[in-house]
Amino acid sequence: MQTRMITKELVRKFKQYLYEEERSENTIAKYMRDIGGLIEYAEQKELQKADMLEYKRKLCATYALQSVNSMLSSINSFFVFVEWHELKVKTLKIQRQLYMNTAKELTKSEYERLLMTAKNKKDRRLYYLMQTMAGTGLRVSELQYVTVEAVSKGQATICCKGKIRQVFLPKLLCKMLTEYARERHIKTGSIFVTKSGIPLDRSNVWKMVKVLCADAGVSPEKVFPHNFRHLFARTFYSVQKNIVHLADILGHSSVNTTRIYTMETGETHRLQIQELGLLQG
């Protein structure tokens, strides 16, 4: 029977396989992190099914259930690649969440306070960056496609997760970004870059927005890059009520994915039930 020990060579081959499958850099990095967690847990010993079941329990005690499923999916993919099928473990069955967690959802008023704080700090890059994400629904990894050329055309060509889509950039946003690029002497390529000219990544943006929390009076739990995309989706849906169109804009293959972004609060549902007029008191 083949030894079930994860080696650097096996991980290297799996990483090369993911690259040849044209997975995005962010996706590959995530797979490597998830497998790295298992390697740290295994401590260079041969894996048995019992080890995987125990590791699954350990993950459940540490992370949110959705995160556990995501990690297990990465690990199972690795096991399929190396043909260790007997080590695969089932993902958790999670009932679809009906209400959004208001403790982690950024409101429009909180977003506006973040903008005002960035403006008062004279951080124009962050001021325009937040508006770009909230005004288009772009993922933070897609900011690199907001280029001088894209702004001049009023639309950006996004290459993400093996798909290509066109994202229209509002005229006011294009005007702001054109002026910003001119001030920063950015004549071509990505507009949101580091001092050395490299496009900002998730880590850069995360640190930048977190700095604003205290001065803006917004909970740090609500301030992370993907929440600007959530804000765009919820605001768009509240006005248009067209989830299919929203799915296209966000680049989702399934409307079910988009539903996560359009959930209302439990309080909203409670008020809707009360308005049915079925309770006499």
C-alpha atoms as a PDB file:
ATOM      1  CA  MET A   1       0.000   0.000   0.000  1.00  0.00           C
ATOM      2  CA  GLN A   2       1.302   3.440  -0.901  1.00  0.00           C
ATOM      3  CA  THR A   3       2.526   5.578   2.002  1.00  0.00           C
ATOM      4  CA  ARG A   4       0.095   8.411   2.757  1.00  0.00           C
ATOM      5  CA  MET A   5       2.624  11.056   3.760  1.00  0.00           C
ATOM      6  CA  ILE A   6       2.466  14.547   2.282  1.00  0.00           C
ATOM      7  CA  THR A   7       5.845  15.507   0.866  1.00  0.00           C
ATOM      8  CA  LYS A   8       7.154  18.744  -0.619  1.00  0.00           C
ATOM      9  CA  GLU A   9       7.403  17.014  -4.004  1.00  0.00           C
ATOM     10  CA  LEU A  10       3.729  16.001  -3.965  1.00  0.00           C
ATOM     11  CA  VAL A  11       2.689  19.537  -3.039  1.00  0.00           C
ATOM     12  CA  ARG A  12       4.925  20.942  -5.783  1.00  0.00           C
ATOM     13  CA  LYS A  13       3.330  18.651  -8.381  1.00  0.00           C
ATOM     14  CA  PHE A  14      -0.161  19.571  -7.197  1.00  0.00           C
ATOM     15  CA  LYS A  15       0.684  23.260  -7.410  1.00  0.00           C
ATOM     16  CA  GLN A  16       1.958  22.751 -10.964  1.00  0.00           C
ATOM     17  CA  TYR A  17      -1.248  20.883 -11.803  1.00  0.00           C
ATOM     18  CA  LEU A  18      -3.356  23.790 -10.538  1.00  0.00           C
ATOM     19  CA  TYR A  19      -1.264  26.185 -12.600  1.00  0.00           C
ATOM     20  CA  GLU A  20      -1.764  24.076 -15.738  1.00  0.00           C
ATOM     21  CA  GLU A  21      -5.507  24.009 -14.985  1.00  0.00           C
ATOM     22  CA  GLU A  22      -5.305  27.820 -15.209  1.00  0.00           C
ATOM     23  CA  ARG A  23      -6.453  28.418 -11.664  1.00  0.00           C
ATOM     24  CA  SER A  24      -5.952  31.992 -10.473  1.00  0.00           C
ATOM     25  CA  GLU A  25      -2.961  32.925  -8.323  1.00  0.00           C
ATOM     26  CA  ASN A  26      -5.268  33.628  -5.382  1.00  0.00           C
ATOM     27  CA  THR A  27      -6.932  30.220  -5.740  1.00  0.00           C
ATOM     28  CA  ILE A  28      -3.596  28.420  -5.891  1.00  0.00           C
ATOM     29  CA  ALA A  29      -2.355  30.338  -2.848  1.00  0.00           C
ATOM     30  CA  LYS A  30      -5.492  29.310  -0.937  1.00  0.00           C
ATOM     31  CA  TYR A  31      -5.013  25.620  -1.809  1.00  0.00           C
ATOM     32  CA  MET A  32      -1.427  25.837  -0.614  1.00  0.00           C
ATOM     33  CA  ARG A  33      -2.484  27.452   2.688  1.00  0.00           C
ATOM     34  CA  ASP A  34      -5.135  24.811   3.308  1.00  0.00           C
ATOM     35  CA  ILE A  35      -2.771  21.941   2.561  1.00  0.00           C
ATOM     36  CA  GLY A  36      -0.095  23.632   4.649  1.00  0.00           C
ATOM     37  CA  GLY A  37      -2.450  23.581   7.620  1.00  0.00           C
ATOM     38  CA  LEU A  38      -2.887  19.830   7.243  1.00  0.00           C
ATOM     39  CA  ILE A  39       0.875  19.308   6.917  1.00  0.00           C
ATOM     40  CA  GLU A  40       1.419  21.219  10.163  1.00  0.00           C
ATOM     41  CA  TYR A  41      -1.220  19.083  11.875  1.00  0.00           C
ATOM     42  CA  ALA A  42       0.165  15.783  10.528  1.00  0.00           C
ATOM     43  CA  GLU A  43       3.716  16.513  11.773  1.00  0.00           C
ATOM     44  CA  GLN A  44       5.364  14.399   9.059  1.00  0.00           C
ATOM     45  CA  LYS A  45       3.510  11.214   9.893  1.00  0.00           C
ATOM     46  CA  GLU A  46       1.578   8.879   7.621  1.00  0.00           C
ATOM     47  CA  LEU A  47      -2.072   9.857   7.375  1.00  0.00           C
ATOM     48  CA  GLN A  48      -4.940   7.521   8.211  1.00  0.00           C
ATOM     49  CA  LYS A  49      -8.665   8.139   7.777  1.00  0.00           C
ATOM     50  CA  ALA A  50      -8.951   8.546  11.551  1.00  0.00           C
ATOM     51  CA  ASP A  51      -6.439  11.409  11.365  1.00  0.00           C
ATOM     52  CA  MET A  52      -8.549  13.176   8.770  1.00  0.00           C
ATOM     53  CA  LEU A  53     -11.716  12.807  10.828  1.00  0.00           C
ATOM     54  CA  GLU A  54      -9.919  14.236  13.855  1.00  0.00           C
ATOM     55  CA  TYR A  55      -8.524  17.100  11.751  1.00  0.00           C
ATOM     56  CA  LYS A  56     -12.046  17.837  10.530  1.00  0.00           C
ATOM     57  CA  ARG A  57     -13.243  18.054  14.149  1.00  0.00           C
ATOM     58  CA  LYS A  58     -10.335  20.353  14.967  1.00  0.00           C
ATOM     59  CA  LEU A  59     -11.249  22.676  12.103  1.00  0.00           C
ATOM     60  CA  CYS A  60     -14.894  22.731  13.216  1.00  0.00           C
ATOM     61  CA  ALA A  61     -13.844  23.846  16.678  1.00  0.00           C
ATOM     62  CA  THR A  62     -11.689  26.670  15.293  1.00  0.00           C
ATOM     63  CA  TYR A  63     -13.301  28.087  12.148  1.00  0.00           C
ATOM     64  CA  ALA A  64     -16.702  29.076  10.776  1.00  0.00           C
ATOM     65  CA  LEU A  65     -18.455  26.137   9.127  1.00  0.00           C
ATOM     66  CA  GLN A  66     -18.276  27.673   5.647  1.00  0.00           C
ATOM     67  CA  SER A  67     -14.519  28.101   6.095  1.00  0.00           C
ATOM     68  CA  VAL A  68     -14.191  24.467   7.196  1.00  0.00           C
ATOM     69  CA  ASN A  69     -15.931  23.289   4.033  1.00  0.00           C
ATOM     70  CA  SER A  70     -13.682  25.466   1.917  1.00  0.00           C
ATOM     71  CA  MET A  71     -10.556  23.993   3.533  1.00  0.00           C
ATOM     72  CA  LEU A  72     -11.824  20.427   3.234  1.00  0.00           C
ATOM     73  CA  SER A  73     -12.603  21.013  -0.427  1.00  0.00           C
ATOM     74  CA  SER A  74      -8.986  22.056  -1.064  1.00  0.00           C
ATOM     75  CA  ILE A  75      -7.634  19.042   0.811  1.00  0.00           C
ATOM     76  CA  ASN A  76     -10.004  16.617  -0.926  1.00  0.00           C
ATOM     77  CA  SER A  77      -8.873  17.979  -4.291  1.00  0.00           C
ATOM     78  CA  PHE A  78      -5.288  17.236  -3.308  1.00  0.00           C
ATOM     79  CA  PHE A  79      -6.234  13.690  -2.262  1.00  0.00           C
ATOM     80  CA  VAL A  80      -7.944  13.119  -5.619  1.00  0.00           C
ATOM     81  CA  PHE A  81      -4.825  14.357  -7.406  1.00  0.00           C
ATOM     82  CA  VAL A  82      -2.519  11.953  -5.504  1.00  0.00           C
ATOM     83  CA  GLU A  83      -5.182   9.189  -5.656  1.00  0.00           C
ATOM     84  CA  TRP A  84      -5.613   8.888  -1.895  1.00  0.00           C
ATOM     85  CA  HIS A  85      -9.377   8.649  -2.275  1.00  0.00           C
ATOM     86  CA  GLU A  86      -9.889   6.761   0.980  1.00  0.00           C
ATOM     87  CA  LEU A  87      -8.658   9.789   2.958  1.00  0.00           C
ATOM     88  CA  LYS A  88     -11.311  12.152   1.621  1.00  0.00           C
ATOM     89  CA  VAL A  89     -13.804  13.425   4.204  1.00  0.00           C
ATOM     90  CA  LYS A  90     -17.319  14.715   3.666  1.00  0.00           C
ATOM     91  CA  THR A  91     -17.978  18.427   3.848  1.00  0.00           C
ATOM     92  CA  LEU A  92     -20.495  19.744   6.375  1.00  0.00           C
ATOM     93  CA  LYS A  93     -24.158  20.074   5.460  1.00  0.00           C
ATOM     94  CA  ILE A  94     -25.116  23.648   6.230  1.00  0.00           C
ATOM     95  CA  GLN A  95     -28.648  24.959   5.956  1.00  0.00           C
ATOM     96  CA  ARG A  96     -28.825  28.058   3.797  1.00  0.00           C
ATOM     97  CA  GLN A  97     -28.544  31.169   5.947  1.00  0.00           C
ATOM     98  CA  LEU A  98     -31.785  33.165   5.894  1.00  0.00           C
ATOM     99  CA  TYR A  99     -30.592  36.399   7.459  1.00  0.00           C
ATOM    100  CA  MET A 100     -27.411  38.388   7.208  1.00  0.00           C
ATOM    101  CA  ASN A 101     -25.295  39.043  10.283  1.00  0.00           C
ATOM    102  CA  THR A 102     -25.770  42.750  10.975  1.00  0.00           C
ATOM    103  CA  ALA A 103     -22.676  42.729  13.203  1.00  0.00           C
ATOM    104  CA  LYS A 104     -20.508  42.176  10.137  1.00  0.00           C
ATOM    105  CA  GLU A 105     -22.393  43.964   7.355  1.00  0.00           C
ATOM    106  CA  LEU A 106     -21.246  47.460   6.391  1.00  0.00           C
ATOM    107  CA  THR A 107     -24.112  49.967   6.145  1.00  0.00           C
ATOM    108  CA  LYS A 108     -24.254  52.855   3.700  1.00  0.00           C
ATOM    109  CA  SER A 109     -23.892  55.419   6.498  1.00  0.00           C
ATOM    110  CA  GLU A 110     -20.821  53.605   7.837  1.00  0.00           C
ATOM    111  CA  TYR A 111     -19.368  53.504   4.333  1.00  0.00           C
ATOM    112  CA  GLU A 112     -19.909  57.260   4.030  1.00  0.00           C
ATOM    113  CA  ARG A 113     -18.109  57.802   7.347  1.00  0.00           C
ATOM    114  CA  LEU A 114     -15.167  55.784   6.049  1.00  0.00           C
ATOM    115  CA  LEU A 115     -15.060  57.936   2.926  1.00  0.00           C
ATOM    116  CA  MET A 116     -15.185  61.154   4.942  1.00  0.00           C
ATOM    117  CA  THR A 117     -12.397  59.905   7.219  1.00  0.00           C
ATOM    118  CA  ALA A 118     -10.167  59.023   4.265  1.00  0.00           C
ATOM    119  CA  LYS A 119     -10.888  62.431   2.733  1.00  0.00           C
ATOM    120  CA  ASN A 120     -10.062  64.249   5.974  1.00  0.00           C
ATOM    121  CA  LYS A 121      -6.808  62.295   6.203  1.00  0.00           C
ATOM    122  CA  LYS A 122      -6.083  63.384   2.632  1.00  0.00           C
ATOM    123  CA  ASP A 123      -5.681  59.745   1.612  1.00  0.00           C
ATOM    124  CA  ARG A 124      -6.968  60.184  -1.919  1.00  0.00           C
ATOM    125  CA  ARG A 125      -5.863  56.731  -3.062  1.00  0.00           C
ATOM    126  CA  LEU A 126      -7.962  55.016  -0.393  1.00  0.00           C
ATOM    127  CA  TYR A 127     -10.812  57.494  -0.887  1.00  0.00           C
ATOM    128  CA  TYR A 128     -11.123  56.595  -4.567  1.00  0.00           C
ATOM    129  CA  LEU A 129     -10.321  52.921  -4.040  1.00  0.00           C
ATOM    130  CA  MET A 130     -13.262  52.422  -1.672  1.00  0.00           C
ATOM    131  CA  GLN A 131     -15.578  54.216  -4.082  1.00  0.00           C
ATOM    132  CA  THR A 132     -14.359  52.046  -6.949  1.00  0.00           C
ATOM    133  CA  MET A 133     -15.143  48.815  -5.085  1.00  0.00           C
ATOM    134  CA  ALA A 134     -18.468  50.040  -3.685  1.00  0.00           C
ATOM    135  CA  GLY A 135     -19.493  51.689  -6.955  1.00  0.00           C
ATOM    136  CA  THR A 136     -18.789  48.708  -9.227  1.00  0.00           C
ATOM    137  CA  GLY A 137     -18.965  45.569  -7.068  1.00  0.00           C
ATOM    138  CA  LEU A 138     -15.447  44.543  -8.056  1.00  0.00           C
ATOM    139  CA  ARG A 139     -13.524  42.008  -5.989  1.00  0.00           C
ATOM    140  CA  VAL A 140     -10.356  43.351  -4.436  1.00  0.00           C
ATOM    141  CA  SER A 141      -8.360  40.989  -6.693  1.00  0.00           C
ATOM    142  CA  GLU A 142     -10.027  42.646  -9.705  1.00  0.00           C
ATOM    143  CA  LEU A 143      -8.861  46.171  -8.887  1.00  0.00           C
ATOM    144  CA  GLN A 144      -5.758  45.579 -10.992  1.00  0.00           C
ATOM    145  CA  TYR A 145      -7.983  45.693 -14.094  1.00  0.00           C
ATOM    146  CA  VAL A 146      -9.055  49.257 -13.337  1.00  0.00           C
ATOM    147  CA  THR A 147      -6.414  50.779 -15.570  1.00  0.00           C
ATOM    148  CA  VAL A 148      -5.882  54.145 -17.198  1.00  0.00           C
ATOM    149  CA  GLU A 149      -6.967  52.538 -20.471  1.00  0.00           C
ATOM    150  CA  ALA A 150     -10.120  51.055 -18.916  1.00  0.00           C
ATOM    151  CA  VAL A 151     -11.108  54.385 -17.385  1.00  0.00           C
ATOM    152  CA  SER A 152     -10.677  56.141 -20.739  1.00  0.00           C
ATOM    153  CA  LYS A 153     -13.088  53.618 -22.324  1.00  0.00           C
ATOM    154  CA  GLY A 154     -15.505  53.618 -19.400  1.00  0.00           C
ATOM    155  CA  GLN A 155     -15.310  49.872 -18.911  1.00  0.00           C
ATOM    156  CA  ALA A 156     -12.864  47.304 -17.585  1.00  0.00           C
ATOM    157  CA  THR A 157     -12.193  43.810 -18.913  1.00  0.00           C
ATOM    158  CA  ILE A 158     -12.005  41.477 -15.918  1.00  0.00           C
ATOM    159  CA  CYS A 159     -10.227  38.122 -16.109  1.00  0.00           C
ATOM    160  CA  CYS A 160     -11.118  36.133 -13.012  1.00  0.00           C
ATOM    161  CA  LYS A 161     -11.621  32.449 -12.195  1.00  0.00           C
ATOM    162  CA  GLY A 162     -11.236  31.430 -15.824  1.00  0.00           C
ATOM    163  CA  LYS A 163     -13.940  33.850 -16.977  1.00  0.00           C
ATOM    164  CA  ILE A 164     -13.814  37.155 -18.799  1.00  0.00           C
ATOM    165  CA  ARG A 165     -16.470  39.810 -18.274  1.00  0.00           C
ATOM    166  CA  GLN A 166     -16.942  43.483 -19.003  1.00  0.00           C
ATOM    167  CA  VAL A 167     -17.622  45.849 -16.094  1.00  0.00           C
ATOM    168  CA  PHE A 168     -18.943  49.307 -16.847  1.00  0.00           C
ATOM    169  CA  LEU A 169     -17.390  52.150 -14.881  1.00  0.00           C
ATOM    170  CA  PRO A 170     -19.769  55.009 -13.952  1.00  0.00           C
ATOM    171  CA  LYS A 171     -18.972  58.358 -15.618  1.00  0.00           C
ATOM    172  CA  LEU A 172     -18.442  60.151 -12.313  1.00  0.00           C
ATOM    173  CA  LEU A 173     -16.018  57.450 -11.184  1.00  0.00           C
ATOM    174  CA  CYS A 174     -14.110  57.702 -14.475  1.00  0.00           C
ATOM    175  CA  LYS A 175     -13.837  61.471 -14.042  1.00  0.00           C
ATOM    176  CA  MET A 176     -12.475  61.095 -10.504  1.00  0.00           C
ATOM    177  CA  LEU A 177     -10.010  58.361 -11.448  1.00  0.00           C
ATOM    178  CA  THR A 178      -8.789  60.287 -14.508  1.00  0.00           C
ATOM    179  CA  GLU A 179      -7.972  63.294 -12.335  1.00  0.00           C
ATOM    180  CA  TYR A 180      -6.347  61.071  -9.697  1.00  0.00           C
ATOM    181  CA  ALA A 181      -4.168  59.283 -12.281  1.00  0.00           C
ATOM    182  CA  ARG A 182      -3.103  62.612 -13.758  1.00  0.00           C
ATOM    183  CA  GLU A 183      -2.114  63.932 -10.320  1.00  0.00           C
ATOM    184  CA  ARG A 184      -0.114  60.769  -9.592  1.00  0.00           C
ATOM    185  CA  HIS A 185       1.483  60.795 -13.058  1.00  0.00           C
ATOM    186  CA  ILE A 186       0.055  57.356 -13.812  1.00  0.00           C
ATOM    187  CA  LYS A 187      -0.078  57.265 -17.587  1.00  0.00           C
ATOM    188  CA  THR A 188      -0.753  53.588 -18.217  1.00  0.00           C
ATOM    189  CA  GLY A 189      -1.672  50.370 -16.429  1.00  0.00           C
ATOM    190  CA  SER A 190      -3.333  49.898 -13.037  1.00  0.00           C
ATOM    191  CA  ILE A 191      -4.437  53.018 -11.207  1.00  0.00           C
ATOM    192  CA  PHE A 192      -4.295  51.632  -7.675  1.00  0.00           C
ATOM    193  CA  VAL A 193      -0.646  50.801  -7.120  1.00  0.00           C
ATOM    194  CA  THR A 194       2.010  50.805  -4.400  1.00  0.00           C
ATOM    195  CA  LYS A 195       4.790  53.374  -4.257  1.00  0.00           C
ATOM    196  CA  SER A 196       6.884  51.054  -6.421  1.00  0.00           C
ATOM    197  CA  GLY A 197       4.127  50.840  -9.044  1.00  0.00           C
ATOM    198  CA  ILE A 198       2.887  47.309  -8.263  1.00  0.00           C
ATOM    199  CA  PRO A 199      -0.914  46.810  -8.237  1.00  0.00           C
ATOM    200  CA  LEU A 200      -2.317  46.734  -4.700  1.00  0.00           C
ATOM    201  CA  ASP A 201      -3.176  43.250  -3.440  1.00  0.00           C
ATOM    202  CA  ARG A 202      -5.662  41.987  -0.849  1.00  0.00           C
ATOM    203  CA  SER A 203      -3.184  42.420   2.007  1.00  0.00           C
ATOM    204  CA  ASN A 204      -2.403  46.023   1.060  1.00  0.00           C
ATOM    205  CA  VAL A 205      -6.069  47.007   0.846  1.00  0.00           C
ATOM    206  CA  TRP A 206      -6.974  45.171   4.062  1.00  0.00           C
ATOM    207  CA  LYS A 207      -4.386  47.116   6.053  1.00  0.00           C
ATOM    208  CA  MET A 208      -5.393  50.417   4.457  1.00  0.00           C
ATOM    209  CA  VAL A 209      -9.095  50.168   5.277  1.00  0.00           C
ATOM    210  CA  LYS A 210      -8.496  48.867   8.808  1.00  0.00           C
ATOM    211  CA  VAL A 211      -6.598  52.060   9.658  1.00  0.00           C
ATOM    212  CA  LEU A 212      -9.786  54.097   9.182  1.00  0.00           C
ATOM    213  CA  CYS A 213     -11.987  52.172  11.647  1.00  0.00           C
ATOM    214  CA  ALA A 214     -11.247  54.036  14.881  1.00  0.00           C
ATOM    215  CA  ASP A 215     -11.466  57.531  13.435  1.00  0.00           C
ATOM    216  CA  ALA A 216     -14.602  56.685  11.436  1.00  0.00           C
ATOM    217  CA  GLY A 217     -16.306  55.055  14.424  1.00  0.00           C
ATOM    218  CA  VAL A 218     -16.942  51.834  12.500  1.00  0.00           C
ATOM    219  CA  SER A 219     -16.433  48.348  13.954  1.00  0.00           C
ATOM    220  CA  PRO A 220     -13.274  46.699  12.553  1.00  0.00           C
ATOM    221  CA  GLU A 221     -15.342  43.521  12.011  1.00  0.00           C
ATOM    222  CA  LYS A 222     -17.291  45.362   9.320  1.00  0.00           C
ATOM    223  CA  VAL A 223     -14.333  46.830   7.490  1.00  0.00           C
ATOM    224  CA  PHE A 224     -12.698  44.458   5.043  1.00  0.00           C
ATOM    225  CA  PRO A 225     -12.394  44.678   1.238  1.00  0.00           C
ATOM    226  CA  HIS A 226     -15.144  42.204   0.303  1.00  0.00           C
ATOM    227  CA  ASN A 227     -17.741  44.127   2.317  1.00  0.00           C
ATOM    228  CA  PHE A 228     -17.661  46.955  -0.235  1.00  0.00           C
ATOM    229  CA  ARG A 229     -18.765  44.396  -2.831  1.00  0.00           C
ATOM    230  CA  HIS A 230     -21.538  43.292  -0.462  1.00  0.00           C
ATOM    231  CA  LEU A 231     -22.649  46.908  -0.080  1.00  0.00           C
ATOM    232  CA  PHE A 232     -22.818  47.353  -3.854  1.00  0.00           C
ATOM    233  CA  ALA A 233     -24.832  44.154  -4.285  1.00  0.00           C
ATOM    234  CA  ARG A 234     -27.350  44.954  -1.546  1.00  0.00           C
ATOM    235  CA  THR A 235     -27.808  48.525  -2.751  1.00  0.00           C
ATOM    236  CA  PHE A 236     -28.213  47.463  -6.396  1.00  0.00           C
ATOM    237  CA  TYR A 237     -30.764  44.802  -5.508  1.00  0.00           C
ATOM    238  CA  SER A 238     -32.756  47.125  -3.252  1.00  0.00           C
ATOM    239  CA  VAL A 239     -33.217  49.480  -6.210  1.00  0.00           C
ATOM    240  CA  GLN A 240     -33.449  47.123  -9.209  1.00  0.00           C
ATOM    241  CA  LYS A 241     -34.865  43.904  -7.654  1.00  0.00           C
ATOM    242  CA  ASN A 242     -33.198  41.971 -10.477  1.00  0.00           C
ATOM    243  CA  ILE A 243     -31.050  39.187  -9.073  1.00  0.00           C
ATOM    244  CA  VAL A 244     -30.223  37.723 -12.507  1.00  0.00           C
ATOM    245  CA  HIS A 245     -28.764  41.026 -13.721  1.00  0.00           C
ATOM    246  CA  LEU A 246     -26.895  41.410 -10.436  1.00  0.00           C
ATOM    247  CA  ALA A 247     -25.394  37.922 -10.854  1.00  0.00           C
ATOM    248  CA  ASP A 248     -24.102  38.932 -14.290  1.00  0.00           C
ATOM    249  CA  ILE A 249     -22.574  42.145 -12.941  1.00  0.00           C
ATOM    250  CA  LEU A 250     -20.850  40.334 -10.070  1.00  0.00           C
ATOM    251  CA  GLY A 251     -19.573  37.565 -12.329  1.00  0.00           C
ATOM    252  CA  HIS A 252     -21.461  34.743 -10.624  1.00  0.00           C
ATOM    253  CA  SER A 253     -22.168  31.545 -12.551  1.00  0.00           C
ATOM    254  CA  SER A 254     -25.097  30.734 -10.269  1.00  0.00           C
ATOM    255  CA  VAL A 255     -27.839  32.981  -8.927  1.00  0.00           C
ATOM    256  CA  ASN A 256     -27.647  30.950  -5.702  1.00  0.00           C
ATOM    257  CA  THR A 257     -24.264  32.527  -5.040  1.00  0.00           C
ATOM    258  CA  THR A 258     -25.759  35.981  -5.535  1.00  0.00           C
ATOM    259  CA  ARG A 259     -28.510  35.320  -2.992  1.00  0.00           C
ATOM    260  CA  ILE A 260     -25.896  35.536  -0.234  1.00  0.00           C
ATOM    261  CA  TYR A 261     -25.431  39.209  -1.093  1.00  0.00           C
ATOM    262  CA  THR A 262     -29.143  40.053  -1.083  1.00  0.00           C
ATOM    263  CA  MET A 263     -30.120  38.680   2.331  1.00  0.00           C
ATOM    264  CA  GLU A 264     -32.015  41.049   4.582  1.00  0.00           C
ATOM    265  CA  THR A 265     -31.672  41.383   8.347  1.00  0.00           C
ATOM    266  CA  GLY A 266     -33.722  39.293  10.751  1.00  0.00           C
ATOM    267  CA  GLU A 267     -35.380  42.507  11.947  1.00  0.00           C
ATOM    268  CA  THR A 268     -36.578  43.253   8.405  1.00  0.00           C
ATOM    269  CA  HIS A 269     -38.143  39.799   8.171  1.00  0.00           C
ATOM    270  CA  ARG A 270     -39.762  40.262  11.580  1.00  0.00           C
ATOM    271  CA  LEU A 271     -41.406  43.526  10.471  1.00  0.00           C
ATOM    272  CA  GLN A 272     -42.602  41.944   7.221  1.00  0.00           C
ATOM    273  CA  ILE A 273     -44.293  39.140   9.178  1.00  0.00           C
ATOM    274  CA  GLN A 274     -45.917  41.619  11.540  1.00  0.00           C
ATOM    275  CA  GLU A 275     -47.341  43.543   8.573  1.00  0.00           C
ATOM    276  CA  LEU A 276     -49.237  40.453   7.368  1.00  0.00           C
ATOM    277  CA  GLY A 277     -52.000  41.341   9.836  1.00  0.00           C
ATOM    278  CA  LEU A 278     -52.554  37.768  10.968  1.00  0.00           C
ATOM    279  CA  LEU A 279     -52.048  38.417  14.689  1.00  0.00           C
ATOM    280  CA  GLN A 280     -54.925  39.829  16.735  1.00  0.00           C
ATOM    281  CA  GLY A 281     -53.288  40.332  20.146  1.00  0.00           C
END
